Amino acid sequence: MREHASTDAFHKFKQQLFHFSLTRILSPLHPAMKVPELVLFGDDYYRCVIYALAAYIADYEEQVLLSCILCNWCAKCIAHRENLDEEALHRCREHSDILIKEFEF
């Protein structure tokens, strides 16, 4: 396979495989993006809604704000911010519960 990795045909095949895979994975969402759905909003009015799938690009500071984590702090592990490449313990529900119990927001 490596001998074909730089050919145009293989590049096109990888591209088509990627797009076909995404199409297949997201296909259950397709009807919601075509058929309006009646939804009750917080102001007690019903509105017709058509859902859309879109990308959102944010820099690090905005991602931190939106995900409600602390700046320079990893939400997945407890490694020190200056040494993130080292094997670190992954966070778990028990760890989060202890943090919530011990510290004030």
Protein backbone atom coordinates (compact mmCIF):
# COMPACT_ATOMS: atom_id res chain seq x y z
CA MET A 1 0.00 0.00 0.00
CA ARG A 2 2.83 2.44 0.75
CA GLU A 3 4.09 2.28 -2.82
CA HIS A 4 0.73 3.72 -3.93
CA ALA A 5 0.48 6.35 -1.18
CA SER A 6 1.80 9.18 -3.35
CA THR A 7 -0.28 8.43 -6.45
CA ASP A 8 -3.18 10.64 -7.51
CA ALA A 9 -5.54 7.66 -7.68
CA PHE A 10 -4.83 6.68 -4.06
CA HIS A 11 -5.20 10.30 -2.92
CA LYS A 12 -8.59 10.50 -4.65
CA PHE A 13 -9.61 7.14 -3.13
CA LYS A 14 -8.77 8.39 0.41
CA GLN A 15 -10.72 11.58 -0.23
CA GLN A 16 -13.78 9.69 -1.47
CA LEU A 17 -13.58 7.21 1.42
CA PHE A 18 -13.47 10.06 3.94
CA HIS A 19 -16.46 11.87 2.42
CA PHE A 20 -18.48 8.67 2.01
CA SER A 21 -17.78 7.75 5.65
CA LEU A 22 -18.96 11.15 6.89
CA THR A 23 -22.06 10.93 4.71
CA ARG A 24 -22.87 7.51 6.13
CA ILE A 25 -22.24 8.56 9.76
CA LEU A 26 -24.32 11.75 9.49
CA SER A 27 -27.16 10.27 7.39
CA PRO A 28 -29.52 9.82 10.39
CA LEU A 29 -29.43 13.61 10.85
CA HIS A 30 -30.40 14.34 7.26
CA PRO A 31 -34.23 14.25 7.70
CA ALA A 32 -34.05 16.84 10.50
CA MET A 33 -32.26 19.19 8.11
CA LYS A 34 -35.04 19.00 5.50
CA VAL A 35 -38.38 18.61 7.28
CA PRO A 36 -39.55 21.39 9.64
CA GLU A 37 -40.29 20.30 13.20
CA LEU A 38 -42.71 22.08 15.53
CA VAL A 39 -40.86 23.05 18.73
CA LEU A 40 -42.10 24.74 21.90
CA PHE A 41 -39.73 27.57 22.86
CA GLY A 42 -39.12 29.08 26.30
CA ASP A 43 -41.50 31.96 25.60
CA ASP A 44 -44.41 29.46 25.24
CA TYR A 45 -44.64 29.91 21.46
CA TYR A 46 -44.38 27.11 18.94
CA ARG A 47 -42.12 27.62 15.95
CA CYS A 48 -41.15 25.54 12.94
CA VAL A 49 -37.48 24.59 13.16
CA ILE A 50 -35.14 23.12 10.59
CA TYR A 51 -31.88 21.99 12.15
CA ALA A 52 -28.50 22.55 10.51
CA LEU A 53 -25.08 21.06 11.06
CA ALA A 54 -22.28 23.61 11.08
CA ALA A 55 -18.67 23.99 12.15
CA TYR A 56 -17.56 26.44 14.80
CA ILE A 57 -13.96 27.59 14.98
CA ALA A 58 -12.65 29.13 18.19
CA ASP A 59 -9.22 29.99 19.55
CA TYR A 60 -7.99 28.46 22.82
CA GLU A 61 -9.33 31.22 25.07
CA GLU A 62 -12.80 30.98 23.54
CA GLN A 63 -12.78 27.17 23.78
CA VAL A 64 -11.87 27.46 27.48
CA LEU A 65 -14.73 29.90 28.04
CA LEU A 66 -17.30 27.77 26.17
CA SER A 67 -16.28 24.50 27.83
CA CYS A 68 -16.26 26.04 31.34
CA ILE A 69 -12.76 24.92 32.25
CA LEU A 70 -9.82 26.85 33.68
CA CYS A 71 -7.19 28.35 31.41
CA ASN A 72 -3.95 26.28 31.18
CA TRP A 73 -5.69 23.30 32.75
CA CYS A 74 -6.49 20.00 31.06
CA ALA A 75 -10.04 18.71 31.39
CA LYS A 76 -9.03 15.13 30.57
CA CYS A 77 -5.99 14.46 32.74
CA ILE A 78 -4.23 15.77 35.84
CA ALA A 79 -0.82 16.40 34.28
CA HIS A 80 1.00 19.64 35.05
CA ARG A 81 0.56 22.22 32.27
CA GLU A 82 4.31 22.40 31.63
CA ASN A 83 4.64 18.64 31.18
CA LEU A 84 1.62 17.41 29.21
CA ASP A 85 3.60 14.82 27.22
CA GLU A 86 4.24 12.68 30.28
CA GLU A 87 1.95 9.75 31.09
CA ALA A 88 -0.79 11.28 33.20
CA LEU A 89 -3.71 9.96 35.18
CA HIS A 90 -6.98 10.48 33.38
CA ARG A 91 -9.78 12.23 35.20
CA CYS A 92 -12.78 10.20 36.29
CA ARG A 93 -16.18 10.98 37.74
CA GLU A 94 -14.97 10.30 41.30
CA HIS A 95 -12.12 12.81 40.88
CA SER A 96 -14.56 15.48 39.62
CA ASP A 97 -16.98 14.80 42.48
CA ILE A 98 -14.19 15.23 45.06
CA LEU A 99 -13.10 18.52 43.47
CA ILE A 100 -16.66 19.81 43.53
CA LYS A 101 -17.08 18.76 47.15
CA GLU A 102 -13.78 20.26 48.38
CA PHE A 103 -13.58 23.56 46.49
CA GLU A 104 -15.96 26.48 46.20
CA PHE A 105 -17.00 27.69 42.77
